[in-house]
C-alpha atoms as a PDB file:
ATOM      1  CA  UNK A   1       0.000   0.000   0.000  1.00  0.00           C
ATOM      2  CA  UNK A   2       2.833   2.358   0.854  1.00  0.00           C
ATOM      3  CA  UNK A   3       4.565   1.617  -2.440  1.00  0.00           C
ATOM      4  CA  UNK A   4       1.337   2.262  -4.340  1.00  0.00           C
ATOM      5  CA  UNK A   5       1.102   5.706  -2.756  1.00  0.00           C
ATOM      6  CA  UNK A   6       4.494   6.767  -4.133  1.00  0.00           C
ATOM      7  CA  UNK A   7       4.495   8.860  -7.308  1.00  0.00           C
ATOM      8  CA  UNK A   8       5.340   6.981 -10.475  1.00  0.00           C
ATOM      9  CA  UNK A   9       8.839   7.564 -11.791  1.00  0.00           C
ATOM     10  CA  UNK A  10       9.086   8.586 -15.408  1.00  0.00           C
ATOM     11  CA  UNK A  11      12.198   8.322 -17.566  1.00  0.00           C
ATOM     12  CA  UNK A  12      13.999  11.577 -18.309  1.00  0.00           C
ATOM     13  CA  UNK A  13      14.364  12.434 -21.980  1.00  0.00           C
ATOM     14  CA  UNK A  14      17.062  14.960 -22.840  1.00  0.00           C
ATOM     15  CA  UNK A  15      16.622  16.666 -26.192  1.00  0.00           C
ATOM     16  CA  UNK A  16      20.323  17.465 -26.606  1.00  0.00           C
ATOM     17  CA  UNK A  17      22.995  15.711 -24.550  1.00  0.00           C
ATOM     18  CA  UNK A  18      25.291  18.716 -24.966  1.00  0.00           C
ATOM     19  CA  UNK A  19      22.999  20.804 -22.737  1.00  0.00           C
ATOM     20  CA  UNK A  20      23.598  18.413 -19.839  1.00  0.00           C
ATOM     21  CA  UNK A  21      27.329  18.332 -20.590  1.00  0.00           C
ATOM     22  CA  UNK A  22      27.597  22.134 -20.503  1.00  0.00           C
ATOM     23  CA  UNK A  23      25.632  22.373 -17.260  1.00  0.00           C
ATOM     24  CA  UNK A  24      27.831  19.675 -15.731  1.00  0.00           C
ATOM     25  CA  UNK A  25      30.925  21.728 -16.507  1.00  0.00           C
ATOM     26  CA  UNK A  26      29.445  24.656 -14.560  1.00  0.00           C
ATOM     27  CA  UNK A  27      30.346  22.691 -11.429  1.00  0.00           C
ATOM     28  CA  UNK A  28      33.887  21.804 -12.555  1.00  0.00           C
ATOM     29  CA  UNK A  29      33.113  18.150 -11.819  1.00  0.00           C
ATOM     30  CA  UNK A  30      34.270  15.448 -14.265  1.00  0.00           C
ATOM     31  CA  UNK A  31      31.531  15.428 -16.937  1.00  0.00           C
ATOM     32  CA  UNK A  32      31.178  11.642 -17.055  1.00  0.00           C
ATOM     33  CA  UNK A  33      31.332  11.021 -13.310  1.00  0.00           C
ATOM     34  CA  UNK A  34      28.213  10.108 -11.346  1.00  0.00           C
ATOM     35  CA  UNK A  35      28.332  13.366  -9.355  1.00  0.00           C
ATOM     36  CA  UNK A  36      28.934  15.416 -12.473  1.00  0.00           C
ATOM     37  CA  UNK A  37      26.043  13.853 -14.362  1.00  0.00           C
ATOM     38  CA  UNK A  38      23.738  14.263 -11.370  1.00  0.00           C
ATOM     39  CA  UNK A  39      24.402  17.991 -11.094  1.00  0.00           C
ATOM     40  CA  UNK A  40      24.233  18.457 -14.856  1.00  0.00           C
ATOM     41  CA  UNK A  41      20.784  16.861 -14.911  1.00  0.00           C
ATOM     42  CA  UNK A  42      19.723  18.886 -11.855  1.00  0.00           C
ATOM     43  CA  UNK A  43      20.692  22.211 -13.437  1.00  0.00           C
ATOM     44  CA  UNK A  44      19.084  21.227 -16.744  1.00  0.00           C
ATOM     45  CA  UNK A  45      15.840  20.146 -15.079  1.00  0.00           C
ATOM     46  CA  UNK A  46      15.733  23.351 -13.013  1.00  0.00           C
ATOM     47  CA  UNK A  47      16.176  25.462 -16.138  1.00  0.00           C
ATOM     48  CA  UNK A  48      13.436  23.606 -17.997  1.00  0.00           C
ATOM     49  CA  UNK A  49      11.026  23.846 -15.062  1.00  0.00           C
ATOM     50  CA  UNK A  50      11.713  27.342 -13.703  1.00  0.00           C
ATOM     51  CA  UNK A  51      14.256  29.056 -15.942  1.00  0.00           C
ATOM     52  CA  UNK A  52      17.347  30.851 -14.653  1.00  0.00           C
ATOM     53  CA  UNK A  53      16.951  34.243 -12.940  1.00  0.00           C
ATOM     54  CA  UNK A  54      18.315  37.371 -14.605  1.00  0.00           C
ATOM     55  CA  UNK A  55      18.242  40.665 -12.707  1.00  0.00           C
ATOM     56  CA  UNK A  56      17.218  43.667 -14.775  1.00  0.00           C
ATOM     57  CA  UNK A  57      20.048  46.182 -14.745  1.00  0.00           C
ATOM     58  CA  UNK A  58      22.726  43.724 -13.636  1.00  0.00           C
ATOM     59  CA  UNK A  59      23.492  41.488 -10.679  1.00  0.00           C
ATOM     60  CA  UNK A  60      24.604  44.516  -8.661  1.00  0.00           C
ATOM     61  CA  UNK A  61      20.954  45.527  -8.361  1.00  0.00           C
ATOM     62  CA  UNK A  62      20.425  42.632  -5.940  1.00  0.00           C
ATOM     63  CA  UNK A  63      23.287  43.863  -3.746  1.00  0.00           C
ATOM     64  CA  UNK A  64      21.891  47.406  -3.864  1.00  0.00           C
ATOM     65  CA  UNK A  65      18.450  46.188  -2.775  1.00  0.00           C
ATOM     66  CA  UNK A  66      19.848  44.145   0.104  1.00  0.00           C
ATOM     67  CA  UNK A  67      22.015  47.049   1.294  1.00  0.00           C
ATOM     68  CA  UNK A  68      19.078  49.465   1.165  1.00  0.00           C
ATOM     69  CA  UNK A  69      16.921  47.054   3.153  1.00  0.00           C
ATOM     70  CA  UNK A  70      19.650  46.547   5.763  1.00  0.00           C
ATOM     71  CA  UNK A  71      20.245  50.291   6.218  1.00  0.00           C
ATOM     72  CA  UNK A  72      16.504  50.878   6.576  1.00  0.00           C
ATOM     73  CA  UNK A  73      16.596  48.491   9.530  1.00  0.00           C
ATOM     74  CA  UNK A  74      19.443  50.262  11.287  1.00  0.00           C
ATOM     75  CA  UNK A  75      22.428  48.298   9.982  1.00  0.00           C
ATOM     76  CA  UNK A  76      25.757  50.165   9.924  1.00  0.00           C
ATOM     77  CA  UNK A  77      27.974  49.318   6.944  1.00  0.00           C
ATOM     78  CA  UNK A  78      31.735  49.817   7.179  1.00  0.00           C
ATOM     79  CA  UNK A  79      33.580  49.145   3.936  1.00  0.00           C
ATOM     80  CA  UNK A  80      37.247  48.739   3.066  1.00  0.00           C
ATOM     81  CA  UNK A  81      38.330  47.619   6.541  1.00  0.00           C
ATOM     82  CA  UNK A  82      40.181  44.368   7.181  1.00  0.00           C
ATOM     83  CA  UNK A  83      38.900  42.450  10.202  1.00  0.00           C
ATOM     84  CA  UNK A  84      41.803  41.205  12.321  1.00  0.00           C
ATOM     85  CA  UNK A  85      39.764  39.806  15.206  1.00  0.00           C
ATOM     86  CA  UNK A  86      36.115  39.236  15.968  1.00  0.00           C
ATOM     87  CA  UNK A  87      34.245  41.683  18.212  1.00  0.00           C
ATOM     88  CA  UNK A  88      32.440  40.672  21.369  1.00  0.00           C
ATOM     89  CA  UNK A  89      28.845  40.132  20.299  1.00  0.00           C
ATOM     90  CA  UNK A  90      25.903  37.844  20.867  1.00  0.00           C
ATOM     91  CA  UNK A  91      26.256  36.610  17.293  1.00  0.00           C
ATOM     92  CA  UNK A  92      28.746  37.091  14.464  1.00  0.00           C
ATOM     93  CA  UNK A  93      27.852  36.021  10.918  1.00  0.00           C
ATOM     94  CA  UNK A  94      30.861  35.617   8.614  1.00  0.00           C
ATOM     95  CA  UNK A  95      30.197  36.091   4.893  1.00  0.00           C
ATOM     96  CA  UNK A  96      33.766  35.063   4.027  1.00  0.00           C
ATOM     97  CA  UNK A  97      35.257  31.855   2.677  1.00  0.00           C
ATOM     98  CA  UNK A  98      36.064  28.946   4.963  1.00  0.00           C
ATOM     99  CA  UNK A  99      39.790  29.700   5.086  1.00  0.00           C
ATOM    100  CA  UNK A 100      39.289  33.318   6.169  1.00  0.00           C
ATOM    101  CA  UNK A 101      36.694  32.191   8.715  1.00  0.00           C
ATOM    102  CA  UNK A 102      39.197  29.666  10.052  1.00  0.00           C
ATOM    103  CA  UNK A 103      41.822  32.396  10.433  1.00  0.00           C
ATOM    104  CA  UNK A 104      39.431  34.522  12.465  1.00  0.00           C
ATOM    105  CA  UNK A 105      38.389  31.752  14.861  1.00  0.00           C
ATOM    106  CA  UNK A 106      41.764  29.987  15.051  1.00  0.00           C
ATOM    107  CA  UNK A 107      40.934  26.709  13.343  1.00  0.00           C
ATOM    108  CA  UNK A 108      41.092  25.125   9.896  1.00  0.00           C
ATOM    109  CA  UNK A 109      38.582  23.316   7.695  1.00  0.00           C
ATOM    110  CA  UNK A 110      39.178  20.307   5.466  1.00  0.00           C
ATOM    111  CA  UNK A 111      38.041  22.003   2.278  1.00  0.00           C
ATOM    112  CA  UNK A 112      40.155  21.740  -0.900  1.00  0.00           C
ATOM    113  CA  UNK A 113      40.498  24.754  -3.159  1.00  0.00           C
ATOM    114  CA  UNK A 114      39.483  24.638  -6.801  1.00  0.00           C
ATOM    115  CA  UNK A 115      41.927  25.777  -9.516  1.00  0.00           C
ATOM    116  CA  UNK A 116      42.529  29.434 -10.282  1.00  0.00           C
ATOM    117  CA  UNK A 117      40.174  31.243 -12.660  1.00  0.00           C
ATOM    118  CA  UNK A 118      40.658  33.839 -15.390  1.00  0.00           C
ATOM    119  CA  UNK A 119      37.631  36.121 -15.894  1.00  0.00           C
ATOM    120  CA  UNK A 120      37.247  38.764 -18.586  1.00  0.00           C
ATOM    121  CA  UNK A 121      34.546  41.431 -18.962  1.00  0.00           C
ATOM    122  CA  UNK A 122      34.125  43.158 -22.324  1.00  0.00           C
ATOM    123  CA  UNK A 123      32.354  46.085 -23.906  1.00  0.00           C
ATOM    124  CA  UNK A 124      31.720  45.304 -27.574  1.00  0.00           C
ATOM    125  CA  UNK A 125      30.968  47.474 -30.607  1.00  0.00           C
ATOM    126  CA  UNK A 126      28.346  44.997 -31.790  1.00  0.00           C
ATOM    127  CA  UNK A 127      26.559  41.795 -30.945  1.00  0.00           C
ATOM    128  CA  UNK A 128      28.683  38.652 -30.794  1.00  0.00           C
ATOM    129  CA  UNK A 129      28.919  37.152 -34.327  1.00  0.00           C
ATOM    130  CA  UNK A 130      28.256  33.544 -33.373  1.00  0.00           C
ATOM    131  CA  UNK A 131      28.561  31.024 -36.183  1.00  0.00           C
ATOM    132  CA  UNK A 132      25.754  29.013 -34.567  1.00  0.00           C
ATOM    133  CA  UNK A 133      22.425  30.809 -34.920  1.00  0.00           C
ATOM    134  CA  UNK A 134      21.026  29.464 -31.625  1.00  0.00           C
ATOM    135  CA  UNK A 135      23.920  30.971 -29.654  1.00  0.00           C
ATOM    136  CA  UNK A 136      22.848  34.495 -30.645  1.00  0.00           C
ATOM    137  CA  UNK A 137      19.754  34.276 -28.441  1.00  0.00           C
ATOM    138  CA  UNK A 138      21.306  32.508 -25.434  1.00  0.00           C
ATOM    139  CA  UNK A 139      22.262  34.498 -22.307  1.00  0.00           C
ATOM    140  CA  UNK A 140      24.888  31.843 -21.461  1.00  0.00           C
ATOM    141  CA  UNK A 141      26.931  29.927 -24.021  1.00  0.00           C
ATOM    142  CA  UNK A 142      29.117  26.882 -23.277  1.00  0.00           C
ATOM    143  CA  UNK A 143      32.274  26.842 -25.413  1.00  0.00           C
ATOM    144  CA  UNK A 144      34.185  23.598 -25.083  1.00  0.00           C
ATOM    145  CA  UNK A 145      36.386  21.095 -26.829  1.00  0.00           C
ATOM    146  CA  UNK A 146      38.441  18.127 -25.673  1.00  0.00           C
ATOM    147  CA  UNK A 147      40.855  20.270 -23.643  1.00  0.00           C
ATOM    148  CA  UNK A 148      39.296  23.689 -22.916  1.00  0.00           C
ATOM    149  CA  UNK A 149      36.028  25.055 -21.568  1.00  0.00           C
ATOM    150  CA  UNK A 150      34.855  28.665 -21.442  1.00  0.00           C
ATOM    151  CA  UNK A 151      31.625  29.868 -19.884  1.00  0.00           C
ATOM    152  CA  UNK A 152      30.416  32.914 -21.830  1.00  0.00           C
ATOM    153  CA  UNK A 153      27.690  35.342 -20.740  1.00  0.00           C
ATOM    154  CA  UNK A 154      25.807  37.844 -22.920  1.00  0.00           C
ATOM    155  CA  UNK A 155      22.920  38.879 -20.717  1.00  0.00           C
ATOM    156  CA  UNK A 156      21.558  41.682 -22.858  1.00  0.00           C
ATOM    157  CA  UNK A 157      19.779  38.926 -24.793  1.00  0.00           C
ATOM    158  CA  UNK A 158      17.570  38.553 -21.693  1.00  0.00           C
ATOM    159  CA  UNK A 159      17.918  42.100 -20.296  1.00  0.00           C
ATOM    160  CA  UNK A 160      18.221  44.813 -22.982  1.00  0.00           C
ATOM    161  CA  UNK A 161      19.104  47.448 -20.339  1.00  0.00           C
ATOM    162  CA  UNK A 162      22.615  46.011 -20.068  1.00  0.00           C
ATOM    163  CA  UNK A 163      23.831  47.361 -23.414  1.00  0.00           C
ATOM    164  CA  UNK A 164      22.814  50.068 -25.913  1.00  0.00           C
ATOM    165  CA  UNK A 165      20.972  48.899 -29.017  1.00  0.00           C
ATOM    166  CA  UNK A 166      23.373  47.243 -31.435  1.00  0.00           C
ATOM    167  CA  UNK A 167      26.116  46.959 -28.796  1.00  0.00           C
ATOM    168  CA  UNK A 168      26.937  44.282 -26.247  1.00  0.00           C
ATOM    169  CA  UNK A 169      28.455  43.706 -22.835  1.00  0.00           C
ATOM    170  CA  UNK A 170      29.806  40.240 -22.217  1.00  0.00           C
ATOM    171  CA  UNK A 171      31.929  38.228 -19.834  1.00  0.00           C
ATOM    172  CA  UNK A 172      33.627  34.861 -19.772  1.00  0.00           C
ATOM    173  CA  UNK A 173      35.669  32.777 -17.384  1.00  0.00           C
ATOM    174  CA  UNK A 174      37.763  29.651 -17.636  1.00  0.00           C
ATOM    175  CA  UNK A 175      39.755  27.381 -15.373  1.00  0.00           C
ATOM    176  CA  UNK A 176      41.492  25.634 -18.260  1.00  0.00           C
ATOM    177  CA  UNK A 177      42.915  28.604 -20.205  1.00  0.00           C
ATOM    178  CA  UNK A 178      45.799  30.709 -18.834  1.00  0.00           C
ATOM    179  CA  UNK A 179      44.942  34.299 -19.785  1.00  0.00           C
ATOM    180  CA  UNK A 180      42.578  36.704 -21.533  1.00  0.00           C
ATOM    181  CA  UNK A 181      44.277  36.288 -24.908  1.00  0.00           C
ATOM    182  CA  UNK A 182      43.685  32.535 -24.832  1.00  0.00           C
ATOM    183  CA  UNK A 183      40.038  33.030 -23.845  1.00  0.00           C
ATOM    184  CA  UNK A 184      39.481  35.542 -26.645  1.00  0.00           C
ATOM    185  CA  UNK A 185      41.119  33.215 -29.170  1.00  0.00           C
ATOM    186  CA  UNK A 186      38.860  30.406 -27.964  1.00  0.00           C
ATOM    187  CA  UNK A 187      35.741  32.579 -28.386  1.00  0.00           C
ATOM    188  CA  UNK A 188      36.953  33.646 -31.845  1.00  0.00           C
ATOM    189  CA  UNK A 189      36.809  30.010 -32.985  1.00  0.00           C
ATOM    190  CA  UNK A 190      33.055  29.974 -32.391  1.00  0.00           C
ATOM    191  CA  UNK A 191      32.370  33.634 -33.257  1.00  0.00           C
ATOM    192  CA  UNK A 192      34.665  34.769 -36.110  1.00  0.00           C
ATOM    193  CA  UNK A 193      35.241  38.515 -35.864  1.00  0.00           C
ATOM    194  CA  UNK A 194      34.703  38.674 -32.108  1.00  0.00           C
ATOM    195  CA  UNK A 195      38.089  40.217 -31.290  1.00  0.00           C
ATOM    196  CA  UNK A 196      37.552  43.044 -33.779  1.00  0.00           C
ATOM    197  CA  UNK A 197      34.477  44.162 -31.802  1.00  0.00           C
ATOM    198  CA  UNK A 198      36.269  44.611 -28.466  1.00  0.00           C
ATOM    199  CA  UNK A 199      36.221  48.227 -27.223  1.00  0.00           C
ATOM    200  CA  UNK A 200      37.384  47.558 -23.695  1.00  0.00           C
ATOM    201  CA  UNK A 201      38.171  44.714 -21.343  1.00  0.00           C
ATOM    202  CA  UNK A 202      38.645  44.135 -17.634  1.00  0.00           C
ATOM    203  CA  UNK A 203      40.702  41.074 -16.695  1.00  0.00           C
ATOM    204  CA  UNK A 204      40.764  39.312 -13.332  1.00  0.00           C
ATOM    205  CA  UNK A 205      43.216  36.549 -12.438  1.00  0.00           C
ATOM    206  CA  UNK A 206      41.360  35.052  -9.493  1.00  0.00           C
ATOM    207  CA  UNK A 207      43.301  32.857  -7.038  1.00  0.00           C
ATOM    208  CA  UNK A 208      42.419  29.218  -6.335  1.00  0.00           C
ATOM    209  CA  UNK A 209      39.143  28.811  -4.493  1.00  0.00           C
ATOM    210  CA  UNK A 210      37.565  32.042  -5.745  1.00  0.00           C
ATOM    211  CA  UNK A 211      34.479  30.478  -7.351  1.00  0.00           C
ATOM    212  CA  UNK A 212      31.536  29.212  -5.300  1.00  0.00           C
ATOM    213  CA  UNK A 213      33.118  29.529  -1.892  1.00  0.00           C
ATOM    214  CA  UNK A 214      36.256  27.585  -2.689  1.00  0.00           C
ATOM    215  CA  UNK A 215      35.313  24.221  -4.095  1.00  0.00           C
ATOM    216  CA  UNK A 216      33.018  22.477  -6.516  1.00  0.00           C
ATOM    217  CA  UNK A 217      35.016  19.293  -7.055  1.00  0.00           C
ATOM    218  CA  UNK A 218      34.304  18.083  -3.518  1.00  0.00           C
ATOM    219  CA  UNK A 219      31.798  19.150  -0.889  1.00  0.00           C
ATOM    220  CA  UNK A 220      29.839  21.177  -3.448  1.00  0.00           C
ATOM    221  CA  UNK A 221      26.667  21.063  -1.351  1.00  0.00           C
ATOM    222  CA  UNK A 222      27.652  19.454   1.956  1.00  0.00           C
ATOM    223  CA  UNK A 223      30.518  21.938   2.514  1.00  0.00           C
ATOM    224  CA  UNK A 224      32.723  21.628   5.627  1.00  0.00           C
ATOM    225  CA  UNK A 225      29.778  21.297   8.048  1.00  0.00           C
ATOM    226  CA  UNK A 226      26.526  20.065   6.493  1.00  0.00           C
ATOM    227  CA  UNK A 227      23.531  21.898   7.938  1.00  0.00           C
ATOM    228  CA  UNK A 228      25.563  23.280  10.861  1.00  0.00           C
ATOM    229  CA  UNK A 229      26.491  26.917  10.260  1.00  0.00           C
ATOM    230  CA  UNK A 230      27.764  27.445  13.826  1.00  0.00           C
ATOM    231  CA  UNK A 231      31.571  27.217  13.715  1.00  0.00           C
ATOM    232  CA  UNK A 232      32.396  28.789  17.082  1.00  0.00           C
ATOM    233  CA  UNK A 233      30.859  30.300  20.188  1.00  0.00           C
ATOM    234  CA  UNK A 234      28.241  32.621  18.693  1.00  0.00           C
ATOM    235  CA  UNK A 235      30.019  32.541  15.307  1.00  0.00           C
ATOM    236  CA  UNK A 236      28.199  31.387  12.165  1.00  0.00           C
ATOM    237  CA  UNK A 237      29.480  30.801   8.632  1.00  0.00           C
ATOM    238  CA  UNK A 238      27.087  32.569   6.247  1.00  0.00           C
ATOM    239  CA  UNK A 239      28.991  32.540   2.954  1.00  0.00           C
ATOM    240  CA  UNK A 240      29.142  30.340  -0.155  1.00  0.00           C
ATOM    241  CA  UNK A 241      31.531  28.094   1.788  1.00  0.00           C
ATOM    242  CA  UNK A 242      28.587  27.044   3.970  1.00  0.00           C
ATOM    243  CA  UNK A 243      25.853  24.554   3.111  1.00  0.00           C
ATOM    244  CA  UNK A 244      24.274  24.430   0.525  1.00  0.00           C
ATOM    245  CA  UNK A 245      26.788  26.498  -1.459  1.00  0.00           C
ATOM    246  CA  UNK A 246      26.552  29.595  -3.607  1.00  0.00           C
ATOM    247  CA  UNK A 247      23.657  30.891  -5.679  1.00  0.00           C
ATOM    248  CA  UNK A 248      21.090  33.655  -5.874  1.00  0.00           C
ATOM    249  CA  UNK A 249      19.001  31.727  -3.344  1.00  0.00           C
ATOM    250  CA  UNK A 250      21.134  33.184  -0.524  1.00  0.00           C
ATOM    251  CA  UNK A 251      20.500  30.025   1.489  1.00  0.00           C
ATOM    252  CA  UNK A 252      23.792  29.969   3.478  1.00  0.00           C
ATOM    253  CA  UNK A 253      23.068  33.404   4.950  1.00  0.00           C
ATOM    254  CA  UNK A 254      19.421  32.539   5.604  1.00  0.00           C
ATOM    255  CA  UNK A 255      20.374  29.328   7.413  1.00  0.00           C
ATOM    256  CA  UNK A 256      23.060  31.086   9.487  1.00  0.00           C
ATOM    257  CA  UNK A 257      20.752  33.973  10.419  1.00  0.00           C
ATOM    258  CA  UNK A 258      17.986  31.648  11.561  1.00  0.00           C
ATOM    259  CA  UNK A 259      20.463  29.544  13.543  1.00  0.00           C
ATOM    260  CA  UNK A 260      21.647  32.703  15.326  1.00  0.00           C
ATOM    261  CA  UNK A 261      18.050  33.767  16.018  1.00  0.00           C
ATOM    262  CA  UNK A 262      17.179  30.341  17.426  1.00  0.00           C
ATOM    263  CA  UNK A 263      20.220  30.456  19.709  1.00  0.00           C
ATOM    264  CA  UNK A 264      19.250  33.943  20.916  1.00  0.00           C
ATOM    265  CA  UNK A 265      15.701  32.747  21.577  1.00  0.00           C
ATOM    266  CA  UNK A 266      16.990  29.828  23.647  1.00  0.00           C
ATOM    267  CA  UNK A 267      19.208  32.173  25.680  1.00  0.00           C
ATOM    268  CA  UNK A 268      16.262  34.460  26.392  1.00  0.00           C
ATOM    269  CA  UNK A 269      14.126  31.487  27.437  1.00  0.00           C
ATOM    270  CA  UNK A 270      16.858  30.259  29.793  1.00  0.00           C
ATOM    271  CA  UNK A 271      17.217  33.758  31.212  1.00  0.00           C
ATOM    272  CA  UNK A 272      13.501  33.989  31.934  1.00  0.00           C
ATOM    273  CA  UNK A 273      13.547  30.542  33.567  1.00  0.00           C
ATOM    274  CA  UNK A 274      16.512  31.508  35.752  1.00  0.00           C
ATOM    275  CA  UNK A 275      14.799  34.728  36.810  1.00  0.00           C
ATOM    276  CA  UNK A 276      11.615  32.845  37.729  1.00  0.00           C
ATOM    277  CA  UNK A 277      13.503  30.289  39.825  1.00  0.00           C
ATOM    278  CA  UNK A 278      15.629  32.888  41.629  1.00  0.00           C
ATOM    279  CA  UNK A 279      12.682  35.180  42.361  1.00  0.00           C
ATOM    280  CA  UNK A 280      10.926  32.346  44.186  1.00  0.00           C
END
C-alpha cells in the first residue's frame, strides 16, 4: 500500500545531450562522473522547469536592494576595513570563505580549493557574431572542446538594459585557459570577428578557491559542516563556503541567520527561567 502511494517515476528524456554536458561543466566536476552527471541533470531540469533568474540592470541591483533594506533596519555598513579579530557580540555572521573564517576563529577546515580562474569582462561594438544561430539568443553559451572550456555570458539577450541597441556587454571565465588572450582566441573560434568588436576589457586573475566559496570538485553542497552553520561560540558561517553552497538563493546566509536567532531565543528562554527560579 505504501509503495502504491508513491508517485510513479518517469524516464527523463534529454533533447540534446550537450545541454547536460555544458551544465555539468558549470560545477567543474568530471563530466562523465556520477556526481557530475547528477548535477548536470539537476541544473538542466531546473532550467526547464523554472528558468534561470536574470536581474534587470545587472546582478549589482540585488546587492543594492539588500544594502538598502539593511540600512533601513538600522544596519551600519563599514567598507574597506580588514577584520583582524572578531568583536564581542551575541552573534557574528561571517560572509567570508572557509579559510578566512578559520583564520578569524583559530581553526582550519578540510576544504580543498578549486583551480585558479581567469575572468574577462568586455564592452563590444556589436553583438557577438556567433557562427551558430542558436547561440545568438542565449544568455549563457558553453564553449568547449576536448581540452578547454569557457563559460560565456551575454545577458543583454535577456535584459536589454545592459547594453545600448546594437552593442553588447559580455563576460567569460575559464579554469582551463591561462589568460585573456587565450580566452578571446577560444571565443573567436566559435564567433569569427569577435576580437575586432572589443572596445574595452577588464581582466581578473582570481586565485584558487575564488568560485563558489572555494570548491566544486568536492563538498559542493555538503561543505565543511553540512547543515551546521555554527563554527564557534556565537560565530556562524554565512557565505558560499557554507551549506548548501553559492547561488542567488542566498540560502547559506538565511540558514546562518535563523540559527543565530534560534540560539538567541533559547538564551532568552533560559534567562527567563533563571529569573523565575531565583525570584521564588
